Amino acid sequence: MEIPTETPIDKLAALQELDRQLREKTELVRASEGEVTELENQLAQQREVARQAREARDAANARRIELETHLDAEEAKMKDRRMRLNRVRNEKELQALRREIEVSKEANQQTEEEVLRVLETVETLTAAAAEADQRLGELEATAATTINERRTGLGQLLEDVAREREIRDRMANALDASLRQKYEQIFARRGGTAVVEVRNGTCQGCHMNLPPQLFNELQRTREVRTCPNCHRILFWRAERLEDAESSR
């Protein structure tokens, strides 16, 4: 894109067109960056959910193994106590051993019940972990594709923005400093519309009719004039008048 060499008002109109393109592309950059960030956050959250699910499953499974190991050890002790019953020689030792066996039986029964509860928990947590891992796999597959696409697009957008900013700076620097400042202030305040066309004596920014004298001045000169109502910079295209006359 070449730097315009027309009048200041022509340069302003061209600058505004480029500024609008830059604004649009900058918004696209922000939107793409936001989408990538959101996807990365979703991935991080799902990875944490899957990690916690696996951790809970593994903890429950470790508890199951611990209980079963303890139960096996107690069963071995119980077998040993029963064998000792045949070797006891007095009633006192016999009663003490029988009491010990009863207490162990009750404890083992409680352990067996806890093992069953833990087994159910392990089953539930295993299913939850599998579901979390499946969800993570699906999200990683879709998110990875989208993230790569957005990053590729971002790279091109950022190149375009950098190139157009250089052009924009050259165009802006070619303007009078005070005119440039005025344009940039209006552009910022008026949502990206600092220079507006005048059609049939009407400002296309606020759609108010211009004073006849001001409209006549716009047609006679290319000097910078502003709308008395919305204070935007006015731009009149002579070719529109020629088009209207040729269509009659």
C-alpha atoms as a PDB file:
ATOM      1  CA  MET A   1       0.000   0.000   0.000  1.00  0.00           C
ATOM      2  CA  GLU A   2       1.494   3.332  -1.054  1.00  0.00           C
ATOM      3  CA  ILE A   3       1.387   6.443   1.070  1.00  0.00           C
ATOM      4  CA  PRO A   4      -1.189   8.823  -0.446  1.00  0.00           C
ATOM      5  CA  THR A   5       0.058  12.096  -1.878  1.00  0.00           C
ATOM      6  CA  GLU A   6      -3.328  13.861  -2.101  1.00  0.00           C
ATOM      7  CA  THR A   7      -4.668  16.656   0.066  1.00  0.00           C
ATOM      8  CA  PRO A   8      -4.719  16.416   3.877  1.00  0.00           C
ATOM      9  CA  ILE A   9      -8.374  15.386   3.876  1.00  0.00           C
ATOM     10  CA  ASP A  10      -7.635  12.595   1.386  1.00  0.00           C
ATOM     11  CA  LYS A  11      -4.747  11.454   3.577  1.00  0.00           C
ATOM     12  CA  LEU A  12      -6.995  11.479   6.642  1.00  0.00           C
ATOM     13  CA  ALA A  13      -9.631   9.377   4.889  1.00  0.00           C
ATOM     14  CA  ALA A  14      -6.992   6.867   3.811  1.00  0.00           C
ATOM     15  CA  LEU A  15      -5.481   6.840   7.305  1.00  0.00           C
ATOM     16  CA  GLN A  16      -8.879   6.160   8.827  1.00  0.00           C
ATOM     17  CA  GLU A  17      -9.446   3.245   6.472  1.00  0.00           C
ATOM     18  CA  LEU A  18      -6.132   1.728   7.515  1.00  0.00           C
ATOM     19  CA  ASP A  19      -6.798   2.450  11.191  1.00  0.00           C
ATOM     20  CA  ARG A  20     -10.098   0.619  10.948  1.00  0.00           C
ATOM     21  CA  GLN A  21      -8.388  -2.374   9.368  1.00  0.00           C
ATOM     22  CA  LEU A  22      -5.790  -2.319  12.134  1.00  0.00           C
ATOM     23  CA  ARG A  23      -8.464  -2.076  14.796  1.00  0.00           C
ATOM     24  CA  GLU A  24     -10.363  -5.005  13.291  1.00  0.00           C
ATOM     25  CA  LYS A  25      -7.229  -7.156  13.026  1.00  0.00           C
ATOM     26  CA  THR A  26      -6.124  -6.192  16.525  1.00  0.00           C
ATOM     27  CA  GLU A  27      -9.526  -7.275  17.844  1.00  0.00           C
ATOM     28  CA  LEU A  28      -9.146 -10.558  15.949  1.00  0.00           C
ATOM     29  CA  VAL A  29      -5.739 -11.029  17.566  1.00  0.00           C
ATOM     30  CA  ARG A  30      -7.230 -10.449  21.018  1.00  0.00           C
ATOM     31  CA  ALA A  31     -10.129 -12.804  20.276  1.00  0.00           C
ATOM     32  CA  SER A  32      -7.810 -15.547  18.993  1.00  0.00           C
ATOM     33  CA  GLU A  33      -5.452 -15.115  21.924  1.00  0.00           C
ATOM     34  CA  GLY A  34      -8.423 -15.251  24.286  1.00  0.00           C
ATOM     35  CA  GLU A  35      -9.717 -18.420  22.636  1.00  0.00           C
ATOM     36  CA  VAL A  36      -6.294 -20.076  22.880  1.00  0.00           C
ATOM     37  CA  THR A  37      -6.002 -19.053  26.537  1.00  0.00           C
ATOM     38  CA  GLU A  38      -9.486 -20.372  27.283  1.00  0.00           C
ATOM     39  CA  LEU A  39      -8.731 -23.711  25.628  1.00  0.00           C
ATOM     40  CA  GLU A  40      -5.432 -23.987  27.478  1.00  0.00           C
ATOM     41  CA  ASN A  41      -7.233 -23.238  30.747  1.00  0.00           C
ATOM     42  CA  GLN A  42      -9.837 -25.905  29.981  1.00  0.00           C
ATOM     43  CA  LEU A  43      -7.069 -28.388  29.249  1.00  0.00           C
ATOM     44  CA  ALA A  44      -5.257 -27.502  32.470  1.00  0.00           C
ATOM     45  CA  GLN A  45      -8.476 -27.853  34.478  1.00  0.00           C
ATOM     46  CA  GLN A  46      -9.333 -31.209  32.897  1.00  0.00           C
ATOM     47  CA  ARG A  47      -5.799 -32.477  33.446  1.00  0.00           C
ATOM     48  CA  GLU A  48      -6.160 -31.552  37.108  1.00  0.00           C
ATOM     49  CA  VAL A  49      -9.562 -33.261  37.306  1.00  0.00           C
ATOM     50  CA  ALA A  50      -8.091 -36.412  35.731  1.00  0.00           C
ATOM     51  CA  ARG A  51      -5.066 -36.297  38.017  1.00  0.00           C
ATOM     52  CA  GLN A  52      -7.197 -35.969  41.137  1.00  0.00           C
ATOM     53  CA  ALA A  53      -9.488 -38.772  39.938  1.00  0.00           C
ATOM     54  CA  ARG A  54      -6.534 -41.098  39.381  1.00  0.00           C
ATOM     55  CA  GLU A  55      -5.030 -40.083  42.696  1.00  0.00           C
ATOM     56  CA  ALA A  56      -8.279 -40.833  44.542  1.00  0.00           C
ATOM     57  CA  ARG A  57      -8.595 -44.188  42.752  1.00  0.00           C
ATOM     58  CA  ASP A  58      -4.993 -45.124  43.575  1.00  0.00           C
ATOM     59  CA  ALA A  59      -5.414 -44.090  47.211  1.00  0.00           C
ATOM     60  CA  ALA A  60      -8.544 -46.245  47.551  1.00  0.00           C
ATOM     61  CA  ASN A  61      -6.823 -49.146  45.830  1.00  0.00           C
ATOM     62  CA  ALA A  62      -3.831 -48.796  48.148  1.00  0.00           C
ATOM     63  CA  ARG A  63      -6.208 -48.883  51.111  1.00  0.00           C
ATOM     64  CA  ARG A  64      -7.800 -52.058  49.714  1.00  0.00           C
ATOM     65  CA  ILE A  65      -4.399 -53.729  49.408  1.00  0.00           C
ATOM     66  CA  GLU A  66      -3.489 -52.615  52.905  1.00  0.00           C
ATOM     67  CA  LEU A  67      -6.705 -54.073  54.349  1.00  0.00           C
ATOM     68  CA  GLU A  68      -6.408 -57.330  52.425  1.00  0.00           C
ATOM     69  CA  THR A  69      -2.784 -57.739  53.508  1.00  0.00           C
ATOM     70  CA  HIS A  70      -3.785 -57.092  57.117  1.00  0.00           C
ATOM     71  CA  LEU A  71      -6.669 -59.545  56.798  1.00  0.00           C
ATOM     72  CA  ASP A  72      -4.398 -62.248  55.377  1.00  0.00           C
ATOM     73  CA  ALA A  73      -1.991 -61.745  58.266  1.00  0.00           C
ATOM     74  CA  GLU A  74      -4.818 -61.949  60.799  1.00  0.00           C
ATOM     75  CA  GLU A  75      -6.195 -65.089  59.172  1.00  0.00           C
ATOM     76  CA  ALA A  76      -2.779 -66.682  59.495  1.00  0.00           C
ATOM     77  CA  LYS A  77      -2.695 -65.714  63.169  1.00  0.00           C
ATOM     78  CA  MET A  78      -6.204 -67.116  63.599  1.00  0.00           C
ATOM     79  CA  LYS A  79      -5.102 -70.442  62.115  1.00  0.00           C
ATOM     80  CA  ASP A  80      -2.160 -70.522  64.485  1.00  0.00           C
ATOM     81  CA  ARG A  81      -4.425 -69.837  67.507  1.00  0.00           C
ATOM     82  CA  ARG A  82      -6.769 -72.655  66.533  1.00  0.00           C
ATOM     83  CA  MET A  83      -3.846 -75.041  66.315  1.00  0.00           C
ATOM     84  CA  ARG A  84      -2.677 -73.923  69.746  1.00  0.00           C
ATOM     85  CA  LEU A  85      -6.055 -74.918  71.230  1.00  0.00           C
ATOM     86  CA  ASN A  86      -5.015 -78.582  70.981  1.00  0.00           C
ATOM     87  CA  ARG A  87      -1.846 -77.920  72.930  1.00  0.00           C
ATOM     88  CA  VAL A  88      -3.322 -75.963  75.847  1.00  0.00           C
ATOM     89  CA  ARG A  89      -2.975 -77.854  79.164  1.00  0.00           C
ATOM     90  CA  ASN A  90      -5.099 -75.819  81.601  1.00  0.00           C
ATOM     91  CA  GLU A  91      -8.525 -74.193  81.596  1.00  0.00           C
ATOM     92  CA  LYS A  92      -7.253 -70.695  82.233  1.00  0.00           C
ATOM     93  CA  GLU A  93      -5.057 -70.676  79.140  1.00  0.00           C
ATOM     94  CA  LEU A  94      -7.860 -72.289  77.151  1.00  0.00           C
ATOM     95  CA  GLN A  95     -10.366 -69.568  78.069  1.00  0.00           C
ATOM     96  CA  ALA A  96      -7.838 -66.823  77.324  1.00  0.00           C
ATOM     97  CA  LEU A  97      -7.051 -68.276  73.909  1.00  0.00           C
ATOM     98  CA  ARG A  98     -10.736 -68.712  73.060  1.00  0.00           C
ATOM     99  CA  ARG A  99     -11.369 -65.108  74.011  1.00  0.00           C
ATOM    100  CA  GLU A 100      -8.471 -64.022  71.838  1.00  0.00           C
ATOM    101  CA  ILE A 101      -9.917 -65.989  68.925  1.00  0.00           C
ATOM    102  CA  GLU A 102     -13.368 -64.386  69.362  1.00  0.00           C
ATOM    103  CA  VAL A 103     -11.903 -60.894  69.464  1.00  0.00           C
ATOM    104  CA  SER A 104      -9.854 -61.630  66.329  1.00  0.00           C
ATOM    105  CA  LYS A 105     -12.922 -63.013  64.538  1.00  0.00           C
ATOM    106  CA  GLU A 106     -14.877 -59.831  65.272  1.00  0.00           C
ATOM    107  CA  ALA A 107     -11.978 -57.664  64.137  1.00  0.00           C
ATOM    108  CA  ASN A 108     -11.553 -59.686  60.951  1.00  0.00           C
ATOM    109  CA  GLN A 109     -15.265 -59.458  60.219  1.00  0.00           C
ATOM    110  CA  GLN A 110     -15.105 -55.666  60.529  1.00  0.00           C
ATOM    111  CA  THR A 111     -12.052 -55.639  58.259  1.00  0.00           C
ATOM    112  CA  GLU A 112     -13.842 -57.776  55.673  1.00  0.00           C
ATOM    113  CA  GLU A 113     -16.798 -55.367  55.711  1.00  0.00           C
ATOM    114  CA  GLU A 114     -14.441 -52.435  55.241  1.00  0.00           C
ATOM    115  CA  VAL A 115     -12.741 -54.268  52.365  1.00  0.00           C
ATOM    116  CA  LEU A 116     -16.116 -54.617  50.645  1.00  0.00           C
ATOM    117  CA  ARG A 117     -16.845 -50.923  51.114  1.00  0.00           C
ATOM    118  CA  VAL A 118     -13.428 -49.972  49.782  1.00  0.00           C
ATOM    119  CA  LEU A 119     -13.898 -52.321  46.799  1.00  0.00           C
ATOM    120  CA  GLU A 120     -17.097 -50.473  45.918  1.00  0.00           C
ATOM    121  CA  THR A 121     -15.281 -47.162  46.277  1.00  0.00           C
ATOM    122  CA  VAL A 122     -12.435 -48.404  44.075  1.00  0.00           C
ATOM    123  CA  GLU A 123     -14.928 -49.462  41.425  1.00  0.00           C
ATOM    124  CA  THR A 124     -16.661 -46.067  41.492  1.00  0.00           C
ATOM    125  CA  LEU A 125     -13.397 -44.122  41.458  1.00  0.00           C
ATOM    126  CA  THR A 126     -11.960 -46.287  38.675  1.00  0.00           C
ATOM    127  CA  ALA A 127     -14.967 -45.484  36.504  1.00  0.00           C
ATOM    128  CA  ALA A 128     -14.660 -41.776  37.358  1.00  0.00           C
ATOM    129  CA  ALA A 129     -10.945 -41.776  36.520  1.00  0.00           C
ATOM    130  CA  ALA A 130     -11.584 -43.545  33.218  1.00  0.00           C
ATOM    131  CA  GLU A 131     -14.267 -41.008  32.335  1.00  0.00           C
ATOM    132  CA  ALA A 132     -11.986 -38.106  33.283  1.00  0.00           C
ATOM    133  CA  ASP A 133      -9.152 -39.543  31.179  1.00  0.00           C
ATOM    134  CA  GLN A 134     -11.507 -40.090  28.242  1.00  0.00           C
ATOM    135  CA  ARG A 135     -12.753 -36.518  28.522  1.00  0.00           C
ATOM    136  CA  LEU A 136      -9.167 -35.296  28.688  1.00  0.00           C
ATOM    137  CA  GLY A 137      -8.214 -37.296  25.603  1.00  0.00           C
ATOM    138  CA  GLU A 138     -11.154 -35.916  23.635  1.00  0.00           C
ATOM    139  CA  LEU A 139     -10.432 -32.369  24.758  1.00  0.00           C
ATOM    140  CA  GLU A 140      -6.731 -32.674  23.952  1.00  0.00           C
ATOM    141  CA  ALA A 141      -7.545 -33.933  20.460  1.00  0.00           C
ATOM    142  CA  THR A 142      -9.999 -31.139  19.626  1.00  0.00           C
ATOM    143  CA  ALA A 143      -8.216 -28.377  21.522  1.00  0.00           C
ATOM    144  CA  ALA A 144      -4.831 -29.185  20.023  1.00  0.00           C
ATOM    145  CA  THR A 145      -6.233 -28.791  16.503  1.00  0.00           C
ATOM    146  CA  THR A 146      -8.000 -25.545  17.347  1.00  0.00           C
ATOM    147  CA  ILE A 147      -5.010 -24.123  19.212  1.00  0.00           C
ATOM    148  CA  ASN A 148      -2.685 -24.911  16.296  1.00  0.00           C
ATOM    149  CA  GLU A 149      -5.103 -23.313  13.839  1.00  0.00           C
ATOM    150  CA  ARG A 150      -5.481 -20.200  15.964  1.00  0.00           C
ATOM    151  CA  ARG A 151      -1.747 -19.870  16.513  1.00  0.00           C
ATOM    152  CA  THR A 152      -1.090 -20.220  12.797  1.00  0.00           C
ATOM    153  CA  GLY A 153      -3.699 -17.564  12.090  1.00  0.00           C
ATOM    154  CA  LEU A 154      -2.290 -15.400  14.853  1.00  0.00           C
ATOM    155  CA  GLY A 155       1.150 -15.527  13.303  1.00  0.00           C
ATOM    156  CA  GLN A 156      -0.194 -14.255   9.989  1.00  0.00           C
ATOM    157  CA  LEU A 157      -2.357 -11.630  11.675  1.00  0.00           C
ATOM    158  CA  LEU A 158       0.539 -10.321  13.747  1.00  0.00           C
ATOM    159  CA  GLU A 159       2.673 -10.045  10.611  1.00  0.00           C
ATOM    160  CA  ASP A 160      -0.115  -8.112   8.872  1.00  0.00           C
ATOM    161  CA  VAL A 161      -0.575  -5.827  11.870  1.00  0.00           C
ATOM    162  CA  ALA A 162       3.153  -5.109  12.143  1.00  0.00           C
ATOM    163  CA  ARG A 163       3.409  -4.349   8.419  1.00  0.00           C
ATOM    164  CA  GLU A 164       0.318  -2.148   8.401  1.00  0.00           C
ATOM    165  CA  ARG A 165       1.460  -0.304  11.510  1.00  0.00           C
ATOM    166  CA  GLU A 166       4.633   0.692   9.694  1.00  0.00           C
ATOM    167  CA  ILE A 167       2.564   1.984   6.786  1.00  0.00           C
ATOM    168  CA  ARG A 168       0.210   3.690   9.205  1.00  0.00           C
ATOM    169  CA  ASP A 169       3.063   5.447  10.979  1.00  0.00           C
ATOM    170  CA  ARG A 170       4.453   6.752   7.691  1.00  0.00           C
ATOM    171  CA  MET A 171       1.015   7.987   6.662  1.00  0.00           C
ATOM    172  CA  ALA A 172       0.427   9.658  10.034  1.00  0.00           C
ATOM    173  CA  ASN A 173       3.869  11.247  10.083  1.00  0.00           C
ATOM    174  CA  ALA A 174       3.159  12.820   6.713  1.00  0.00           C
ATOM    175  CA  LEU A 175       0.330  14.827   8.283  1.00  0.00           C
ATOM    176  CA  ASP A 176       0.571  18.079  10.136  1.00  0.00           C
ATOM    177  CA  ALA A 177       1.129  17.258  13.831  1.00  0.00           C
ATOM    178  CA  SER A 178      -1.875  19.235  15.080  1.00  0.00           C
ATOM    179  CA  LEU A 179      -4.152  17.746  12.407  1.00  0.00           C
ATOM    180  CA  ARG A 180      -2.944  14.269  13.243  1.00  0.00           C
ATOM    181  CA  GLN A 181      -3.600  14.837  16.947  1.00  0.00           C
ATOM    182  CA  LYS A 182      -7.075  16.150  16.232  1.00  0.00           C
ATOM    183  CA  TYR A 183      -7.880  13.167  14.022  1.00  0.00           C
ATOM    184  CA  GLU A 184      -6.628  10.644  16.585  1.00  0.00           C
ATOM    185  CA  GLN A 185      -8.639  12.271  19.377  1.00  0.00           C
ATOM    186  CA  ILE A 186     -11.846  12.156  17.339  1.00  0.00           C
ATOM    187  CA  PHE A 187     -11.120   8.611  16.153  1.00  0.00           C
ATOM    188  CA  ALA A 188     -10.748   7.446  19.751  1.00  0.00           C
ATOM    189  CA  ARG A 189     -13.817   9.304  21.042  1.00  0.00           C
ATOM    190  CA  ARG A 190     -16.092   8.449  18.134  1.00  0.00           C
ATOM    191  CA  GLY A 191     -15.532   4.714  17.991  1.00  0.00           C
ATOM    192  CA  GLY A 192     -13.243   4.665  14.969  1.00  0.00           C
ATOM    193  CA  THR A 193     -15.092   7.241  12.858  1.00  0.00           C
ATOM    194  CA  ALA A 194     -13.224  10.530  12.706  1.00  0.00           C
ATOM    195  CA  VAL A 195     -13.651  11.334   9.006  1.00  0.00           C
ATOM    196  CA  VAL A 196     -17.147  11.166   7.527  1.00  0.00           C
ATOM    197  CA  GLU A 197     -18.507  11.783   4.079  1.00  0.00           C
ATOM    198  CA  VAL A 198     -20.979  14.504   3.262  1.00  0.00           C
ATOM    199  CA  ARG A 199     -23.811  13.492   0.955  1.00  0.00           C
ATOM    200  CA  ASN A 200     -26.442  15.907  -0.310  1.00  0.00           C
ATOM    201  CA  GLY A 201     -25.411  18.388   2.347  1.00  0.00           C
ATOM    202  CA  THR A 202     -25.827  15.870   5.165  1.00  0.00           C
ATOM    203  CA  CYS A 203     -23.103  14.679   7.545  1.00  0.00           C
ATOM    204  CA  GLN A 204     -23.006  10.885   7.386  1.00  0.00           C
ATOM    205  CA  GLY A 205     -21.708  10.748  10.946  1.00  0.00           C
ATOM    206  CA  CYS A 206     -24.646  12.344  12.746  1.00  0.00           C
ATOM    207  CA  HIS A 207     -27.050  12.598   9.745  1.00  0.00           C
ATOM    208  CA  MET A 208     -27.639  16.277  10.369  1.00  0.00           C
ATOM    209  CA  ASN A 209     -27.848  18.842   7.564  1.00  0.00           C
ATOM    210  CA  LEU A 210     -24.839  21.117   7.308  1.00  0.00           C
ATOM    211  CA  PRO A 211     -25.180  24.892   7.063  1.00  0.00           C
ATOM    212  CA  PRO A 212     -25.330  25.784   3.339  1.00  0.00           C
ATOM    213  CA  GLN A 213     -22.255  28.011   3.581  1.00  0.00           C
ATOM    214  CA  LEU A 214     -20.194  25.187   5.118  1.00  0.00           C
ATOM    215  CA  PHE A 215     -21.358  22.766   2.448  1.00  0.00           C
ATOM    216  CA  ASN A 216     -20.407  25.246  -0.260  1.00  0.00           C
ATOM    217  CA  GLU A 217     -16.961  25.653   1.290  1.00  0.00           C
ATOM    218  CA  LEU A 218     -16.471  21.886   1.287  1.00  0.00           C
ATOM    219  CA  GLN A 219     -17.200  21.787  -2.443  1.00  0.00           C
ATOM    220  CA  ARG A 220     -14.875  24.697  -3.227  1.00  0.00           C
ATOM    221  CA  THR A 221     -11.887  23.689  -1.122  1.00  0.00           C
ATOM    222  CA  ARG A 222     -10.234  20.568   0.252  1.00  0.00           C
ATOM    223  CA  GLU A 223      -9.379  22.254   3.515  1.00  0.00           C
ATOM    224  CA  VAL A 224     -10.238  20.448   6.735  1.00  0.00           C
ATOM    225  CA  ARG A 225     -13.681  21.287   8.083  1.00  0.00           C
ATOM    226  CA  THR A 226     -15.602  19.692  10.944  1.00  0.00           C
ATOM    227  CA  CYS A 227     -19.289  19.043  11.463  1.00  0.00           C
ATOM    228  CA  PRO A 228     -20.744  21.673  13.831  1.00  0.00           C
ATOM    229  CA  ASN A 229     -22.965  19.003  15.362  1.00  0.00           C
ATOM    230  CA  CYS A 230     -20.797  15.891  15.889  1.00  0.00           C
ATOM    231  CA  HIS A 231     -17.399  17.561  15.350  1.00  0.00           C
ATOM    232  CA  ARG A 232     -16.167  14.870  13.000  1.00  0.00           C
ATOM    233  CA  ILE A 233     -13.927  15.816  10.093  1.00  0.00           C
ATOM    234  CA  LEU A 234     -15.952  16.244   6.905  1.00  0.00           C
ATOM    235  CA  PHE A 235     -15.050  14.670   3.578  1.00  0.00           C
ATOM    236  CA  TRP A 236     -16.865  15.558   0.369  1.00  0.00           C
ATOM    237  CA  ARG A 237     -16.344  13.511  -2.803  1.00  0.00           C
ATOM    238  CA  ALA A 238     -16.723  15.531  -5.971  1.00  0.00           C
ATOM    239  CA  GLU A 239     -17.133  12.376  -8.036  1.00  0.00           C
ATOM    240  CA  ARG A 240     -20.450  11.661  -6.284  1.00  0.00           C
ATOM    241  CA  LEU A 241     -21.856  14.889  -7.676  1.00  0.00           C
ATOM    242  CA  GLU A 242     -20.578  13.984 -11.127  1.00  0.00           C
ATOM    243  CA  ASP A 243     -22.165  10.530 -10.829  1.00  0.00           C
ATOM    244  CA  ALA A 244     -25.503  12.069  -9.833  1.00  0.00           C
ATOM    245  CA  GLU A 245     -25.415  14.469 -12.781  1.00  0.00           C
ATOM    246  CA  SER A 246     -24.435  11.750 -15.257  1.00  0.00           C
ATOM    247  CA  SER A 247     -27.328   9.582 -14.124  1.00  0.00           C
ATOM    248  CA  ARG A 248     -29.914  12.187 -14.987  1.00  0.00           C
END
